[in-house]
Protein backbone atom coordinates (compact mmCIF):
# COMPACT_ATOMS: atom_id res chain seq x y z
CA MET A 1 0.10 0.22 0.11
CA ALA A 2 1.59 3.40 -1.20
CA ILE A 3 1.75 6.30 1.85
CA LEU A 4 0.71 9.52 -0.08
CA PRO A 5 2.30 12.34 0.94
CA ILE A 6 0.52 15.36 2.16
CA ALA A 7 -2.81 12.87 2.45
CA ALA A 8 -4.31 11.93 5.88
CA ARG A 9 -4.82 8.01 5.45
CA LEU A 10 -8.10 6.30 6.93
CA THR A 11 -8.68 2.74 6.64
CA ILE A 12 -11.86 0.78 6.96
CA PRO A 13 -11.80 -2.77 7.46
CA ARG A 14 -13.92 -4.79 5.28
CA SER A 15 -14.98 -8.24 6.32
CA GLY A 16 -13.49 -10.89 3.54
CA HIS A 17 -12.79 -8.15 1.16
CA GLY A 18 -9.22 -6.91 2.53
CA GLU A 19 -9.61 -3.08 3.79
CA VAL A 20 -10.53 -0.38 1.86
CA VAL A 21 -8.30 3.16 2.13
CA LYS A 22 -9.85 6.47 1.50
CA THR A 23 -7.60 9.73 1.27
CA LYS A 24 -8.24 13.22 2.06
CA THR A 25 -5.21 15.35 0.76
CA ARG A 26 -5.61 19.33 2.48
CA LYS A 27 -4.72 21.57 0.04
CA LYS A 28 -1.59 23.18 -0.06
CA HIS A 29 -1.89 27.60 -0.20
CA ASN A 30 0.96 28.22 -1.98
CA THR A 31 2.35 32.06 -2.34
CA ILE A 32 4.12 32.85 -5.79
CA THR A 33 6.38 36.40 -5.81
CA GLU A 34 7.38 37.64 -8.68
CA GLY A 35 10.97 37.87 -9.27
CA SER A 36 13.15 41.05 -9.62
CA GLY A 37 14.43 39.72 -12.71
CA ASN A 38 17.81 38.90 -11.14
CA VAL A 39 17.67 35.73 -9.33
CA PHE A 40 20.77 36.28 -7.20
CA ALA A 41 19.61 39.31 -6.03
CA ASP A 42 16.08 37.86 -5.28
CA MET A 43 18.63 35.07 -3.14
CA GLY A 44 20.32 38.09 -1.52
CA VAL A 45 23.66 37.21 -2.63
CA PRO A 46 25.91 40.25 -1.96
CA GLU A 47 26.88 42.23 -5.23
CA PRO A 48 24.16 40.43 -7.43
CA GLU A 49 24.44 41.95 -10.48
CA HIS A 50 27.93 40.88 -10.81
CA ALA A 51 27.18 37.38 -10.29
CA LEU A 52 24.52 37.69 -12.77
CA ALA A 53 27.21 38.89 -15.48
CA LYS A 54 29.56 36.32 -14.40
CA ALA A 55 26.60 33.58 -14.99
CA LYS A 56 25.83 34.97 -18.33
CA LEU A 57 29.27 35.01 -19.66
CA ALA A 58 29.58 31.42 -18.12
CA ALA A 59 26.41 30.50 -20.18
CA LYS A 60 28.00 31.89 -23.42
CA ILE A 61 31.01 30.36 -23.33
CA ALA A 62 29.67 27.16 -22.50
CA ALA A 63 27.19 27.37 -25.37
CA ALA A 64 30.27 28.09 -27.84
CA ILE A 65 32.11 24.85 -25.89
CA GLU A 66 29.13 22.40 -27.02
CA GLU A 67 28.02 24.28 -30.34
CA GLU A 68 31.72 23.57 -31.70
CA GLU A 69 31.26 20.14 -29.83
CA LEU A 70 34.58 21.08 -28.18
CA THR A 71 35.83 18.38 -25.02
CA GLN A 72 36.79 20.22 -21.87
CA THR A 73 40.57 20.01 -22.70
CA GLU A 74 40.12 20.90 -26.31
CA ALA A 75 38.55 23.74 -25.08
CA ALA A 76 40.80 24.32 -22.15
CA GLU A 77 43.72 24.51 -24.85
CA ARG A 78 42.12 27.26 -26.68
CA LEU A 79 41.10 29.05 -23.65
CA GLY A 80 45.32 28.65 -22.20
CA THR A 81 44.15 27.12 -18.99
CA ASP A 82 43.24 23.76 -17.71
CA GLN A 83 40.26 21.86 -17.82
CA ALA A 84 39.69 22.02 -13.93
CA LYS A 85 38.98 25.70 -14.90
CA VAL A 86 36.90 24.82 -17.74
CA SER A 87 34.83 22.00 -15.92
CA ALA A 88 34.16 24.99 -13.14
CA ILE A 89 32.82 27.28 -15.68
CA VAL A 90 30.49 24.76 -17.10
CA ARG A 91 29.16 23.79 -13.96
CA GLY A 92 28.84 27.43 -12.70
CA ARG A 93 31.19 27.63 -9.77
CA LEU A 94 32.15 31.17 -10.83
CA ASP A 95 33.86 32.13 -7.46
CA GLN A 96 37.50 31.78 -9.20
CA PHE A 97 36.76 33.92 -11.89
CA SER A 98 36.59 37.34 -12.32
CA THR A 99 34.78 38.95 -14.98
CA GLU A 100 37.07 40.53 -16.48
CA ARG A 101 38.74 37.31 -16.95
CA LEU A 102 35.40 35.46 -17.84
CA LEU A 103 35.51 38.64 -20.73
CA GLN A 104 38.56 37.25 -21.51
CA TYR A 105 37.71 33.80 -21.95
CA ALA A 106 34.55 34.93 -24.26
CA GLN A 107 37.16 36.56 -26.70
CA MET A 108 39.01 33.43 -26.55
CA ILE A 109 36.25 31.29 -27.87
CA GLY A 110 35.34 33.49 -30.32
CA TYR A 111 32.90 36.19 -29.16
CA ASP A 112 33.20 39.87 -30.07
CA VAL A 113 32.84 41.55 -26.39
CA GLU A 114 31.39 45.22 -27.11
CA ILE A 115 31.62 47.05 -23.54
CA ARG A 116 29.05 50.17 -23.75
CA PHE A 117 28.71 52.74 -20.86
CA SER A 118 25.70 55.53 -19.99
CA ARG A 119 25.50 58.08 -17.49
CA ARG A 120 22.83 57.91 -14.95
CA HIS A 121 21.83 61.28 -13.64
CA GLN A 122 21.31 59.90 -10.11
CA GLY A 123 22.23 56.93 -7.74
CA THR A 124 25.15 54.20 -8.94
CA GLY A 125 25.04 52.63 -12.36
CA HIS A 126 24.30 49.13 -12.92
CA LEU A 127 26.43 46.56 -14.02
CA ARG A 128 24.47 44.45 -17.57
CA ILE A 129 25.58 41.76 -20.09
CA GLY A 130 23.44 41.41 -23.26
CA THR A 131 23.18 38.23 -24.84
């Protein structure tokens, strides 16, 4: 007999016919909160704009590696690094990489990188990576 999660079981014995199991499922009330557009900000990560920029760069690098059907070792040779670092990029483990390093890798793997500035009249500026 399977046990259902989030369900209360009620077993009613029946003579000669086994048992009947009735379940009463409780309704869940899920709360949906609209995100900010930056998962790192929503999770409270320090410097969320930098974290998102690095994640987008890593995703582009990983996409190029897959597109060109490179092994991690071949990609490492092209990037002038070792296979372990390529593995870290592909897996999104980006603590050891600066945004500048990932920009260099993006260029080395075949992307044109364009940096654009626009002046804000109030407050701090934002870092964005367009894809």
